[in-house]
């Protein structure tokens, strides 16, 4: 019962835990992050509302796997949780590998373009 809901809550929890215990980017504390989330949610509401509308749904959900709570325009609340988890994970990983002031250039360059193995027969 409520597998989709439990996975959505677990996804949010794991992403927040990843930030708090491993990545330490500070992204969740920035105004820019929350503005980006709001922009993404605005588009998500428009698209997801059309895909999940109860009058003519394109995407169907197992009623036993979710709470059945929908807001606004018939969007399952679990979709907001999954959206948060997926968007935040992408932004956290992007921010985690971004070069920082004071970070040695060789580290930033290695992340941006990993070394390529020399091609056989070409000068090294």
PDB file of N, CA and C in Angstrom:
ATOM      1  N   UNK A   1       0.823  -1.188   0.000  1.00  0.00           N
ATOM      2  CA  UNK A   1       0.000   0.000   0.000  1.00  0.00           C
ATOM      3  C   UNK A   1       0.870   1.257   0.000  1.00  0.00           C
ATOM      4  N   UNK A   2       0.550   2.179  -0.818  1.00  0.00           N
ATOM      5  CA  UNK A   2       1.210   3.484  -0.916  1.00  0.00           C
ATOM      6  C   UNK A   2       2.698   3.379  -1.265  1.00  0.00           C
ATOM      7  N   UNK A   3       3.080   2.417  -2.102  1.00  0.00           N
ATOM      8  CA  UNK A   3       4.482   2.249  -2.475  1.00  0.00           C
ATOM      9  C   UNK A   3       5.037   3.496  -3.155  1.00  0.00           C
ATOM     10  N   UNK A   4       4.258   4.084  -4.052  1.00  0.00           N
ATOM     11  CA  UNK A   4       4.700   5.273  -4.778  1.00  0.00           C
ATOM     12  C   UNK A   4       4.945   6.421  -3.801  1.00  0.00           C
ATOM     13  N   UNK A   5       4.054   6.568  -2.837  1.00  0.00           N
ATOM     14  CA  UNK A   5       4.191   7.620  -1.832  1.00  0.00           C
ATOM     15  C   UNK A   5       5.429   7.390  -0.974  1.00  0.00           C
ATOM     16  N   UNK A   6       5.618   6.163  -0.523  1.00  0.00           N
ATOM     17  CA  UNK A   6       6.773   5.863   0.326  1.00  0.00           C
ATOM     18  C   UNK A   6       8.094   6.042  -0.425  1.00  0.00           C
ATOM     19  N   UNK A   7       8.121   5.654  -1.702  1.00  0.00           N
ATOM     20  CA  UNK A   7       9.339   5.850  -2.495  1.00  0.00           C
ATOM     21  C   UNK A   7       9.612   7.337  -2.713  1.00  0.00           C
ATOM     22  N   UNK A   8       8.575   8.121  -2.909  1.00  0.00           N
ATOM     23  CA  UNK A   8       8.745   9.559  -3.096  1.00  0.00           C
ATOM     24  C   UNK A   8       9.300  10.212  -1.835  1.00  0.00           C
ATOM     25  N   UNK A   9       8.758   9.846  -0.691  1.00  0.00           N
ATOM     26  CA  UNK A   9       9.250  10.388   0.585  1.00  0.00           C
ATOM     27  C   UNK A   9      10.676   9.934   0.837  1.00  0.00           C
ATOM     28  N   UNK A  10      10.966   8.674   0.560  1.00  0.00           N
ATOM     29  CA  UNK A  10      12.330   8.160   0.728  1.00  0.00           C
ATOM     30  C   UNK A  10      13.298   8.880  -0.203  1.00  0.00           C
ATOM     31  N   UNK A  11      12.872   9.153  -1.432  1.00  0.00           N
ATOM     32  CA  UNK A  11      13.728   9.882  -2.380  1.00  0.00           C
ATOM     33  C   UNK A  11      14.098  11.251  -1.868  1.00  0.00           C
ATOM     34  N   UNK A  12      13.124  11.980  -1.350  1.00  0.00           N
ATOM     35  CA  UNK A  12      13.397  13.310  -0.787  1.00  0.00           C
ATOM     36  C   UNK A  12      14.354  13.183   0.400  1.00  0.00           C
ATOM     37  N   UNK A  13      14.072  12.229   1.274  1.00  0.00           N
ATOM     38  CA  UNK A  13      14.932  12.034   2.440  1.00  0.00           C
ATOM     39  C   UNK A  13      16.366  11.688   2.065  1.00  0.00           C
ATOM     40  N   UNK A  14      16.540  10.813   1.084  1.00  0.00           N
ATOM     41  CA  UNK A  14      17.883  10.422   0.661  1.00  0.00           C
ATOM     42  C   UNK A  14      18.656  11.586   0.046  1.00  0.00           C
ATOM     43  N   UNK A  15      17.972  12.415  -0.727  1.00  0.00           N
ATOM     44  CA  UNK A  15      18.638  13.550  -1.356  1.00  0.00           C
ATOM     45  C   UNK A  15      19.062  14.569  -0.302  1.00  0.00           C
ATOM     46  N   UNK A  16      18.183  14.854   0.646  1.00  0.00           N
ATOM     47  CA  UNK A  16      18.527  15.795   1.718  1.00  0.00           C
ATOM     48  C   UNK A  16      19.658  15.222   2.565  1.00  0.00           C
ATOM     49  N   UNK A  17      19.610  13.936   2.838  1.00  0.00           N
ATOM     50  CA  UNK A  17      20.683  13.280   3.598  1.00  0.00           C
ATOM     51  C   UNK A  17      22.004  13.312   2.831  1.00  0.00           C
ATOM     52  N   UNK A  18      21.963  13.085   1.537  1.00  0.00           N
ATOM     53  CA  UNK A  18      23.167  13.155   0.703  1.00  0.00           C
ATOM     54  C   UNK A  18      23.803  14.531   0.798  1.00  0.00           C
ATOM     55  N   UNK A  19      22.987  15.563   0.742  1.00  0.00           N
ATOM     56  CA  UNK A  19      23.509  16.933   0.856  1.00  0.00           C
ATOM     57  C   UNK A  19      24.071  17.193   2.243  1.00  0.00           C
ATOM     58  N   UNK A  20      23.345  16.777   3.274  1.00  0.00           N
ATOM     59  CA  UNK A  20      23.756  17.064   4.650  1.00  0.00           C
ATOM     60  C   UNK A  20      24.982  16.269   5.095  1.00  0.00           C
ATOM     61  N   UNK A  21      25.108  15.038   4.636  1.00  0.00           N
ATOM     62  CA  UNK A  21      26.178  14.161   5.128  1.00  0.00           C
ATOM     63  C   UNK A  21      27.372  14.017   4.197  1.00  0.00           C
ATOM     64  N   UNK A  22      27.163  14.196   2.888  1.00  0.00           N
ATOM     65  CA  UNK A  22      28.234  13.903   1.941  1.00  0.00           C
ATOM     66  C   UNK A  22      28.678  15.126   1.147  1.00  0.00           C
ATOM     67  N   UNK A  23      27.762  15.752   0.441  1.00  0.00           N
ATOM     68  CA  UNK A  23      28.147  16.784  -0.523  1.00  0.00           C
ATOM     69  C   UNK A  23      28.455  18.141   0.106  1.00  0.00           C
ATOM     70  N   UNK A  24      27.664  18.581   1.053  1.00  0.00           N
ATOM     71  CA  UNK A  24      27.872  19.867   1.750  1.00  0.00           C
ATOM     72  C   UNK A  24      28.033  21.040   0.780  1.00  0.00           C
ATOM     73  N   UNK A  25      27.187  21.121  -0.237  1.00  0.00           N
ATOM     74  CA  UNK A  25      27.300  22.216  -1.200  1.00  0.00           C
ATOM     75  C   UNK A  25      26.672  23.505  -0.685  1.00  0.00           C
ATOM     76  N   UNK A  26      25.719  23.404   0.218  1.00  0.00           N
ATOM     77  CA  UNK A  26      24.999  24.576   0.698  1.00  0.00           C
ATOM     78  C   UNK A  26      23.922  25.042  -0.271  1.00  0.00           C
ATOM     79  N   UNK A  27      23.694  24.278  -1.315  1.00  0.00           N
ATOM     80  CA  UNK A  27      22.755  24.671  -2.359  1.00  0.00           C
ATOM     81  C   UNK A  27      21.343  24.891  -1.825  1.00  0.00           C
ATOM     82  N   UNK A  28      20.886  24.045  -0.924  1.00  0.00           N
ATOM     83  CA  UNK A  28      19.516  24.142  -0.423  1.00  0.00           C
ATOM     84  C   UNK A  28      19.272  25.417   0.382  1.00  0.00           C
ATOM     85  N   UNK A  29      20.328  26.106   0.745  1.00  0.00           N
ATOM     86  CA  UNK A  29      20.200  27.348   1.513  1.00  0.00           C
ATOM     87  C   UNK A  29      20.223  28.589   0.633  1.00  0.00           C
ATOM     88  N   UNK A  30      20.354  28.408  -0.674  1.00  0.00           N
ATOM     89  CA  UNK A  30      20.481  29.568  -1.553  1.00  0.00           C
ATOM     90  C   UNK A  30      19.135  29.978  -2.146  1.00  0.00           C
ATOM     91  N   UNK A  31      18.997  31.262  -2.361  1.00  0.00           N
ATOM     92  CA  UNK A  31      17.787  31.808  -2.978  1.00  0.00           C
ATOM     93  C   UNK A  31      17.682  31.343  -4.428  1.00  0.00           C
ATOM     94  N   UNK A  32      18.802  31.276  -5.116  1.00  0.00           N
ATOM     95  CA  UNK A  32      18.812  30.870  -6.526  1.00  0.00           C
ATOM     96  C   UNK A  32      18.254  29.458  -6.698  1.00  0.00           C
ATOM     97  N   UNK A  33      18.581  28.567  -5.781  1.00  0.00           N
ATOM     98  CA  UNK A  33      18.068  27.194  -5.847  1.00  0.00           C
ATOM     99  C   UNK A  33      16.539  27.191  -5.780  1.00  0.00           C
ATOM    100  N   UNK A  34      15.980  27.909  -4.816  1.00  0.00           N
ATOM    101  CA  UNK A  34      14.532  27.902  -4.635  1.00  0.00           C
ATOM    102  C   UNK A  34      13.822  28.602  -5.789  1.00  0.00           C
ATOM    103  N   UNK A  35      14.448  29.602  -6.387  1.00  0.00           N
ATOM    104  CA  UNK A  35      13.875  30.224  -7.581  1.00  0.00           C
ATOM    105  C   UNK A  35      13.868  29.219  -8.732  1.00  0.00           C
ATOM    106  N   UNK A  36      14.958  28.479  -8.892  1.00  0.00           N
ATOM    107  CA  UNK A  36      15.038  27.466  -9.945  1.00  0.00           C
ATOM    108  C   UNK A  36      13.977  26.383  -9.742  1.00  0.00           C
ATOM    109  N   UNK A  37      13.782  25.958  -8.511  1.00  0.00           N
ATOM    110  CA  UNK A  37      12.753  24.955  -8.213  1.00  0.00           C
ATOM    111  C   UNK A  37      11.373  25.508  -8.556  1.00  0.00           C
ATOM    112  N   UNK A  38      11.110  26.758  -8.207  1.00  0.00           N
ATOM    113  CA  UNK A  38       9.808  27.371  -8.500  1.00  0.00           C
ATOM    114  C   UNK A  38       9.564  27.437 -10.011  1.00  0.00           C
ATOM    115  N   UNK A  39      10.587  27.792 -10.772  1.00  0.00           N
ATOM    116  CA  UNK A  39      10.456  27.850 -12.229  1.00  0.00           C
ATOM    117  C   UNK A  39      10.170  26.451 -12.786  1.00  0.00           C
ATOM    118  N   UNK A  40      10.922  25.467 -12.324  1.00  0.00           N
ATOM    119  CA  UNK A  40      10.709  24.090 -12.788  1.00  0.00           C
ATOM    120  C   UNK A  40       9.317  23.594 -12.421  1.00  0.00           C
ATOM    121  N   UNK A  41       8.858  23.909 -11.210  1.00  0.00           N
ATOM    122  CA  UNK A  41       7.523  23.487 -10.789  1.00  0.00           C
ATOM    123  C   UNK A  41       6.438  24.169 -11.610  1.00  0.00           C
ATOM    124  N   UNK A  42       6.645  25.421 -12.002  1.00  0.00           N
ATOM    125  CA  UNK A  42       5.647  26.117 -12.822  1.00  0.00           C
ATOM    126  C   UNK A  42       5.414  25.351 -14.128  1.00  0.00           C
ATOM    127  N   UNK A  43       6.513  24.932 -14.766  1.00  0.00           N
ATOM    128  CA  UNK A  43       6.380  24.157 -16.001  1.00  0.00           C
ATOM    129  C   UNK A  43       5.856  22.747 -15.709  1.00  0.00           C
ATOM    130  N   UNK A  44       6.274  22.177 -14.595  1.00  0.00           N
ATOM    131  CA  UNK A  44       5.816  20.842 -14.226  1.00  0.00           C
ATOM    132  C   UNK A  44       4.304  20.835 -14.007  1.00  0.00           C
ATOM    133  N   UNK A  45       3.790  21.871 -13.359  1.00  0.00           N
ATOM    134  CA  UNK A  45       2.353  21.941 -13.100  1.00  0.00           C
ATOM    135  C   UNK A  45       1.577  21.988 -14.413  1.00  0.00           C
ATOM    136  N   UNK A  46       2.073  22.776 -15.348  1.00  0.00           N
ATOM    137  CA  UNK A  46       1.384  22.884 -16.636  1.00  0.00           C
ATOM    138  C   UNK A  46       1.368  21.541 -17.367  1.00  0.00           C
ATOM    139  N   UNK A  47       2.509  20.904 -17.462  1.00  0.00           N
ATOM    140  CA  UNK A  47       2.616  19.646 -18.209  1.00  0.00           C
ATOM    141  C   UNK A  47       1.975  18.492 -17.444  1.00  0.00           C
ATOM    142  N   UNK A  48       2.326  18.366 -16.179  1.00  0.00           N
ATOM    143  CA  UNK A  48       1.814  17.257 -15.378  1.00  0.00           C
ATOM    144  C   UNK A  48       0.304  17.373 -15.198  1.00  0.00           C
ATOM    145  N   UNK A  49      -0.195  18.589 -15.076  1.00  0.00           N
ATOM    146  CA  UNK A  49      -1.634  18.779 -14.958  1.00  0.00           C
ATOM    147  C   UNK A  49      -2.378  18.249 -16.169  1.00  0.00           C
ATOM    148  N   UNK A  50      -1.794  18.448 -17.344  1.00  0.00           N
ATOM    149  CA  UNK A  50      -2.401  17.950 -18.577  1.00  0.00           C
ATOM    150  C   UNK A  50      -2.281  16.429 -18.674  1.00  0.00           C
ATOM    151  N   UNK A  51      -1.135  15.886 -18.255  1.00  0.00           N
ATOM    152  CA  UNK A  51      -0.917  14.444 -18.364  1.00  0.00           C
ATOM    153  C   UNK A  51      -1.739  13.631 -17.373  1.00  0.00           C
ATOM    154  N   UNK A  52      -2.027  14.203 -16.213  1.00  0.00           N
ATOM    155  CA  UNK A  52      -2.681  13.424 -15.151  1.00  0.00           C
ATOM    156  C   UNK A  52      -4.119  13.842 -14.878  1.00  0.00           C
ATOM    157  N   UNK A  53      -4.676  14.730 -15.703  1.00  0.00           N
ATOM    158  CA  UNK A  53      -6.053  15.196 -15.454  1.00  0.00           C
ATOM    159  C   UNK A  53      -7.003  14.002 -15.411  1.00  0.00           C
ATOM    160  N   UNK A  54      -7.890  14.021 -14.472  1.00  0.00           N
ATOM    161  CA  UNK A  54      -8.786  12.883 -14.255  1.00  0.00           C
ATOM    162  C   UNK A  54      -9.847  12.759 -15.342  1.00  0.00           C
ATOM    163  N   UNK A  55     -10.142  13.843 -16.067  1.00  0.00           N
ATOM    164  CA  UNK A  55     -11.163  13.784 -17.111  1.00  0.00           C
ATOM    165  C   UNK A  55     -10.707  12.978 -18.321  1.00  0.00           C
ATOM    166  N   UNK A  56      -9.424  13.045 -18.667  1.00  0.00           N
ATOM    167  CA  UNK A  56      -8.890  12.281 -19.801  1.00  0.00           C
ATOM    168  C   UNK A  56      -7.397  12.028 -19.541  1.00  0.00           C
ATOM    169  N   UNK A  57      -7.075  11.164 -18.577  1.00  0.00           N
ATOM    170  CA  UNK A  57      -5.670  10.976 -18.203  1.00  0.00           C
ATOM    171  C   UNK A  57      -4.847  10.283 -19.282  1.00  0.00           C
ATOM    172  N   UNK A  58      -3.634  10.749 -19.427  1.00  0.00           N
ATOM    173  CA  UNK A  58      -2.662  10.085 -20.296  1.00  0.00           C
ATOM    174  C   UNK A  58      -1.801   9.165 -19.435  1.00  0.00           C
ATOM    175  N   UNK A  59      -1.486   9.620 -18.233  1.00  0.00           N
ATOM    176  CA  UNK A  59      -0.716   8.831 -17.272  1.00  0.00           C
ATOM    177  C   UNK A  59      -1.677   8.362 -16.187  1.00  0.00           C
ATOM    178  N   UNK A  60      -1.664   7.063 -15.934  1.00  0.00           N
ATOM    179  CA  UNK A  60      -2.533   6.483 -14.916  1.00  0.00           C
ATOM    180  C   UNK A  60      -1.684   6.004 -13.734  1.00  0.00           C
ATOM    181  N   UNK A  61      -2.243   6.101 -12.553  1.00  0.00           N
ATOM    182  CA  UNK A  61      -1.574   5.653 -11.338  1.00  0.00           C
ATOM    183  C   UNK A  61      -2.392   4.553 -10.697  1.00  0.00           C
ATOM    184  N   UNK A  62      -1.713   3.585 -10.137  1.00  0.00           N
ATOM    185  CA  UNK A  62      -2.395   2.534  -9.388  1.00  0.00           C
ATOM    186  C   UNK A  62      -2.954   3.169  -8.115  1.00  0.00           C
ATOM    187  N   UNK A  63      -4.250   3.126  -7.919  1.00  0.00           N
ATOM    188  CA  UNK A  63      -4.833   3.785  -6.745  1.00  0.00           C
ATOM    189  C   UNK A  63      -4.344   3.210  -5.418  1.00  0.00           C
ATOM    190  N   UNK A  64      -3.892   1.969  -5.430  1.00  0.00           N
ATOM    191  CA  UNK A  64      -3.383   1.372  -4.190  1.00  0.00           C
ATOM    192  C   UNK A  64      -1.946   1.765  -3.891  1.00  0.00           C
ATOM    193  N   UNK A  65      -1.226   2.350  -4.861  1.00  0.00           N
ATOM    194  CA  UNK A  65       0.196   2.673  -4.683  1.00  0.00           C
ATOM    195  C   UNK A  65       0.427   4.112  -4.244  1.00  0.00           C
ATOM    196  N   UNK A  66      -0.617   4.941  -4.240  1.00  0.00           N
ATOM    197  CA  UNK A  66      -0.465   6.350  -3.893  1.00  0.00           C
ATOM    198  C   UNK A  66      -1.576   6.781  -2.951  1.00  0.00           C
ATOM    199  N   UNK A  67      -1.417   7.973  -2.401  1.00  0.00           N
ATOM    200  CA  UNK A  67      -2.411   8.482  -1.445  1.00  0.00           C
ATOM    201  C   UNK A  67      -3.725   8.844  -2.110  1.00  0.00           C
ATOM    202  N   UNK A  68      -3.671   9.238  -3.378  1.00  0.00           N
ATOM    203  CA  UNK A  68      -4.863   9.724  -4.054  1.00  0.00           C
ATOM    204  C   UNK A  68      -5.061  11.217  -3.892  1.00  0.00           C
ATOM    205  N   UNK A  69      -4.187  11.873  -3.114  1.00  0.00           N
ATOM    206  CA  UNK A  69      -4.270  13.327  -2.928  1.00  0.00           C
ATOM    207  C   UNK A  69      -3.745  13.997  -4.182  1.00  0.00           C
ATOM    208  N   UNK A  70      -4.490  14.927  -4.707  1.00  0.00           N
ATOM    209  CA  UNK A  70      -4.121  15.605  -5.949  1.00  0.00           C
ATOM    210  C   UNK A  70      -4.315  17.105  -5.782  1.00  0.00           C
ATOM    211  N   UNK A  71      -3.294  17.869  -6.228  1.00  0.00           N
ATOM    212  CA  UNK A  71      -3.359  19.332  -6.137  1.00  0.00           C
ATOM    213  C   UNK A  71      -2.350  19.932  -7.071  1.00  0.00           C
ATOM    214  N   UNK A  72      -2.551  21.005  -7.681  1.00  0.00           N
ATOM    215  CA  UNK A  72      -3.801  21.432  -8.303  1.00  0.00           C
ATOM    216  C   UNK A  72      -3.997  20.658  -9.589  1.00  0.00           C
ATOM    217  N   UNK A  73      -5.140  20.800 -10.208  1.00  0.00           N
ATOM    218  CA  UNK A  73      -5.456  20.189 -11.510  1.00  0.00           C
ATOM    219  C   UNK A  73      -5.153  18.700 -11.556  1.00  0.00           C
ATOM    220  N   UNK A  74      -5.489  18.009 -10.538  1.00  0.00           N
ATOM    221  CA  UNK A  74      -5.403  16.547 -10.508  1.00  0.00           C
ATOM    222  C   UNK A  74      -3.980  15.993 -10.499  1.00  0.00           C
ATOM    223  N   UNK A  75      -3.002  16.792 -10.111  1.00  0.00           N
ATOM    224  CA  UNK A  75      -1.613  16.321 -10.059  1.00  0.00           C
ATOM    225  C   UNK A  75      -1.401  15.586  -8.734  1.00  0.00           C
ATOM    226  N   UNK A  76      -0.955  14.321  -8.779  1.00  0.00           N
ATOM    227  CA  UNK A  76      -0.675  13.592  -7.534  1.00  0.00           C
ATOM    228  C   UNK A  76       0.430  14.296  -6.731  1.00  0.00           C
ATOM    229  N   UNK A  77       0.222  14.417  -5.425  1.00  0.00           N
ATOM    230  CA  UNK A  77       1.215  15.106  -4.592  1.00  0.00           C
ATOM    231  C   UNK A  77       2.571  14.397  -4.635  1.00  0.00           C
ATOM    232  N   UNK A  78       2.557  13.104  -4.887  1.00  0.00           N
ATOM    233  CA  UNK A  78       3.825  12.369  -4.956  1.00  0.00           C
ATOM    234  C   UNK A  78       4.709  12.862  -6.100  1.00  0.00           C
ATOM    235  N   UNK A  79       4.096  13.364  -7.165  1.00  0.00           N
ATOM    236  CA  UNK A  79       4.884  13.878  -8.292  1.00  0.00           C
ATOM    237  C   UNK A  79       5.735  15.082  -7.885  1.00  0.00           C
ATOM    238  N   UNK A  80       5.232  15.886  -6.956  1.00  0.00           N
ATOM    239  CA  UNK A  80       6.024  17.021  -6.464  1.00  0.00           C
ATOM    240  C   UNK A  80       7.244  16.530  -5.685  1.00  0.00           C
ATOM    241  N   UNK A  81       7.049  15.461  -4.920  1.00  0.00           N
ATOM    242  CA  UNK A  81       8.175  14.916  -4.149  1.00  0.00           C
ATOM    243  C   UNK A  81       9.233  14.325  -5.074  1.00  0.00           C
ATOM    244  N   UNK A  82       8.792  13.534  -6.060  1.00  0.00           N
ATOM    245  CA  UNK A  82       9.752  12.984  -7.016  1.00  0.00           C
ATOM    246  C   UNK A  82      10.423  14.094  -7.817  1.00  0.00           C
ATOM    247  N   UNK A  83       9.661  15.093  -8.203  1.00  0.00           N
ATOM    248  CA  UNK A  83      10.244  16.224  -8.931  1.00  0.00           C
ATOM    249  C   UNK A  83      11.306  16.918  -8.111  1.00  0.00           C
ATOM    250  N   UNK A  84      11.018  17.142  -6.828  1.00  0.00           N
ATOM    251  CA  UNK A  84      11.999  17.755  -5.934  1.00  0.00           C
ATOM    252  C   UNK A  84      13.258  16.907  -5.862  1.00  0.00           C
ATOM    253  N   UNK A  85      13.089  15.610  -5.665  1.00  0.00           N
ATOM    254  CA  UNK A  85      14.245  14.714  -5.528  1.00  0.00           C
ATOM    255  C   UNK A  85      15.088  14.699  -6.807  1.00  0.00           C
ATOM    256  N   UNK A  86      14.465  14.578  -7.952  1.00  0.00           N
ATOM    257  CA  UNK A  86      15.213  14.491  -9.211  1.00  0.00           C
ATOM    258  C   UNK A  86      15.901  15.808  -9.565  1.00  0.00           C
ATOM    259  N   UNK A  87      15.168  16.909  -9.450  1.00  0.00           N
ATOM    260  CA  UNK A  87      15.767  18.214  -9.759  1.00  0.00           C
ATOM    261  C   UNK A  87      16.893  18.549  -8.788  1.00  0.00           C
ATOM    262  N   UNK A  88      16.658  18.290  -7.516  1.00  0.00           N
ATOM    263  CA  UNK A  88      17.666  18.612  -6.507  1.00  0.00           C
ATOM    264  C   UNK A  88      18.906  17.748  -6.669  1.00  0.00           C
ATOM    265  N   UNK A  89      18.726  16.472  -6.955  1.00  0.00           N
ATOM    266  CA  UNK A  89      19.890  15.604  -7.175  1.00  0.00           C
ATOM    267  C   UNK A  89      20.734  16.116  -8.331  1.00  0.00           C
ATOM    268  N   UNK A  90      20.096  16.466  -9.435  1.00  0.00           N
ATOM    269  CA  UNK A  90      20.849  16.978 -10.589  1.00  0.00           C
ATOM    270  C   UNK A  90      21.608  18.249 -10.224  1.00  0.00           C
ATOM    271  N   UNK A  91      20.940  19.171  -9.534  1.00  0.00           N
ATOM    272  CA  UNK A  91      21.600  20.430  -9.166  1.00  0.00           C
ATOM    273  C   UNK A  91      22.707  20.216  -8.142  1.00  0.00           C
ATOM    274  N   UNK A  92      22.486  19.310  -7.193  1.00  0.00           N
ATOM    275  CA  UNK A  92      23.526  19.041  -6.187  1.00  0.00           C
ATOM    276  C   UNK A  92      24.775  18.437  -6.828  1.00  0.00           C
ATOM    277  N   UNK A  93      24.576  17.474  -7.712  1.00  0.00           N
ATOM    278  CA  UNK A  93      25.739  16.856  -8.361  1.00  0.00           C
ATOM    279  C   UNK A  93      26.460  17.855  -9.252  1.00  0.00           C
ATOM    280  N   UNK A  94      25.703  18.689  -9.953  1.00  0.00           N
ATOM    281  CA  UNK A  94      26.312  19.730 -10.791  1.00  0.00           C
ATOM    282  C   UNK A  94      27.129  20.673  -9.923  1.00  0.00           C
ATOM    283  N   UNK A  95      26.550  21.097  -8.805  1.00  0.00           N
ATOM    284  CA  UNK A  95      27.232  22.029  -7.915  1.00  0.00           C
ATOM    285  C   UNK A  95      28.435  21.375  -7.241  1.00  0.00           C
ATOM    286  N   UNK A  96      28.342  20.100  -6.957  1.00  0.00           N
ATOM    287  CA  UNK A  96      29.436  19.402  -6.269  1.00  0.00           C
ATOM    288  C   UNK A  96      30.695  19.329  -7.120  1.00  0.00           C
ATOM    289  N   UNK A  97      30.549  19.254  -8.435  1.00  0.00           N
ATOM    290  CA  UNK A  97      31.731  19.145  -9.297  1.00  0.00           C
ATOM    291  C   UNK A  97      32.148  20.493  -9.892  1.00  0.00           C
ATOM    292  N   UNK A  98      31.407  21.554  -9.592  1.00  0.00           N
ATOM    293  CA  UNK A  98      31.746  22.874 -10.130  1.00  0.00           C
ATOM    294  C   UNK A  98      33.038  23.378  -9.504  1.00  0.00           C
ATOM    295  N   UNK A  99      33.898  24.031 -10.307  1.00  0.00           N
ATOM    296  CA  UNK A  99      35.122  24.594  -9.741  1.00  0.00           C
ATOM    297  C   UNK A  99      34.794  25.699  -8.733  1.00  0.00           C
ATOM    298  N   UNK A 100      35.581  25.793  -7.700  1.00  0.00           N
ATOM    299  CA  UNK A 100      35.394  26.788  -6.648  1.00  0.00           C
ATOM    300  C   UNK A 100      36.599  27.723  -6.603  1.00  0.00           C
ATOM    301  N   UNK A 101      36.381  28.959  -6.164  1.00  0.00           N
ATOM    302  CA  UNK A 101      37.527  29.845  -5.974  1.00  0.00           C
ATOM    303  C   UNK A 101      38.498  29.220  -4.968  1.00  0.00           C
ATOM    304  N   UNK A 102      39.751  29.244  -5.291  1.00  0.00           N
ATOM    305  CA  UNK A 102      40.764  28.663  -4.420  1.00  0.00           C
ATOM    306  C   UNK A 102      41.011  27.195  -4.673  1.00  0.00           C
ATOM    307  N   UNK A 103      40.179  26.573  -5.487  1.00  0.00           N
ATOM    308  CA  UNK A 103      40.369  25.171  -5.823  1.00  0.00           C
ATOM    309  C   UNK A 103      41.487  25.106  -6.857  1.00  0.00           C
ATOM    310  N   UNK A 104      42.430  24.202  -6.700  1.00  0.00           N
ATOM    311  CA  UNK A 104      43.510  24.112  -7.690  1.00  0.00           C
ATOM    312  C   UNK A 104      42.956  23.905  -9.097  1.00  0.00           C
ATOM    313  N   UNK A 105      43.515  24.620 -10.043  1.00  0.00           N
ATOM    314  CA  UNK A 105      43.047  24.544 -11.424  1.00  0.00           C
ATOM    315  C   UNK A 105      43.141  23.129 -11.987  1.00  0.00           C
ATOM    316  N   UNK A 106      44.152  22.386 -11.594  1.00  0.00           N
ATOM    317  CA  UNK A 106      44.297  21.047 -12.152  1.00  0.00           C
ATOM    318  C   UNK A 106      43.129  20.158 -11.756  1.00  0.00           C
ATOM    319  N   UNK A 107      42.567  20.354 -10.560  1.00  0.00           N
ATOM    320  CA  UNK A 107      41.422  19.557 -10.128  1.00  0.00           C
ATOM    321  C   UNK A 107      40.193  19.946 -10.944  1.00  0.00           C
ATOM    322  N   UNK A 108      39.970  21.243 -11.102  1.00  0.00           N
ATOM    323  CA  UNK A 108      38.824  21.712 -11.882  1.00  0.00           C
ATOM    324  C   UNK A 108      38.939  21.252 -13.329  1.00  0.00           C
ATOM    325  N   UNK A 109      40.141  21.303 -13.890  1.00  0.00           N
ATOM    326  CA  UNK A 109      40.340  20.881 -15.270  1.00  0.00           C
ATOM    327  C   UNK A 109      40.143  19.372 -15.413  1.00  0.00           C
ATOM    328  N   UNK A 110      40.558  18.599 -14.418  1.00  0.00           N
ATOM    329  CA  UNK A 110      40.397  17.142 -14.479  1.00  0.00           C
ATOM    330  C   UNK A 110      38.930  16.754 -14.444  1.00  0.00           C
ATOM    331  N   UNK A 111      38.138  17.480 -13.692  1.00  0.00           N
ATOM    332  CA  UNK A 111      36.712  17.192 -13.632  1.00  0.00           C
ATOM    333  C   UNK A 111      36.047  17.574 -14.946  1.00  0.00           C
ATOM    334  N   UNK A 112      36.460  18.716 -15.509  1.00  0.00           N
ATOM    335  CA  UNK A 112      35.835  19.209 -16.734  1.00  0.00           C
ATOM    336  C   UNK A 112      36.183  18.351 -17.948  1.00  0.00           C
ATOM    337  N   UNK A 113      37.434  17.929 -18.044  1.00  0.00           N
ATOM    338  CA  UNK A 113      37.837  17.114 -19.194  1.00  0.00           C
ATOM    339  C   UNK A 113      38.830  16.048 -18.742  1.00  0.00           C
ATOM    340  N   UNK A 114      38.354  14.845 -18.486  1.00  0.00           N
ATOM    341  CA  UNK A 114      39.243  13.771 -18.054  1.00  0.00           C
ATOM    342  C   UNK A 114      40.282  13.450 -19.129  1.00  0.00           C
ATOM    343  N   UNK A 115      41.394  12.919 -18.651  1.00  0.00           N
ATOM    344  CA  UNK A 115      42.479  12.572 -19.587  1.00  0.00           C
ATOM    345  C   UNK A 115      42.021  11.532 -20.585  1.00  0.00           C
ATOM    346  N   UNK A 116      42.520  11.696 -21.797  1.00  0.00           N
ATOM    347  CA  UNK A 116      42.217  10.721 -22.842  1.00  0.00           C
ATOM    348  C   UNK A 116      43.460   9.855 -23.039  1.00  0.00           C
ATOM    349  N   UNK A 117      43.224   8.582 -23.282  1.00  0.00           N
ATOM    350  CA  UNK A 117      44.335   7.667 -23.543  1.00  0.00           C
ATOM    351  C   UNK A 117      44.924   8.020 -24.910  1.00  0.00           C
ATOM    352  N   UNK A 118      46.263   7.996 -25.039  1.00  0.00           N
ATOM    353  CA  UNK A 118      46.868   8.312 -26.341  1.00  0.00           C
ATOM    354  C   UNK A 118      46.442   7.286 -27.394  1.00  0.00           C
ATOM    355  N   UNK A 119      46.240   7.765 -28.597  1.00  0.00           N
ATOM    356  CA  UNK A 119      45.866   6.898 -29.704  1.00  0.00           C
ATOM    357  C   UNK A 119      47.118   6.179 -30.178  1.00  0.00           C
ATOM    358  N   UNK A 120      46.995   4.897 -30.437  1.00  0.00           N
ATOM    359  CA  UNK A 120      48.127   4.086 -30.852  1.00  0.00           C
ATOM    360  C   UNK A 120      48.705   4.626 -32.155  1.00  0.00           C
ATOM    361  N   UNK A 121      50.005   4.792 -32.190  1.00  0.00           N
ATOM    362  CA  UNK A 121      50.684   5.240 -33.394  1.00  0.00           C
ATOM    363  C   UNK A 121      50.791   6.764 -33.500  1.00  0.00           C
ATOM    364  N   UNK A 122      50.161   7.496 -32.572  1.00  0.00           N
ATOM    365  CA  UNK A 122      50.267   8.954 -32.620  1.00  0.00           C
ATOM    366  C   UNK A 122      51.292   9.419 -31.591  1.00  0.00           C
ATOM    367  N   UNK A 123      51.905  10.564 -31.837  1.00  0.00           N
ATOM    368  CA  UNK A 123      52.882  11.080 -30.862  1.00  0.00           C
ATOM    369  C   UNK A 123      52.204  11.398 -29.538  1.00  0.00           C
ATOM    370  N   UNK A 124      52.864  11.103 -28.431  1.00  0.00           N
ATOM    371  CA  UNK A 124      52.271  11.341 -27.113  1.00  0.00           C
ATOM    372  C   UNK A 124      52.470  12.745 -26.675  1.00  0.00           C
TER     373      UNK A 124
END
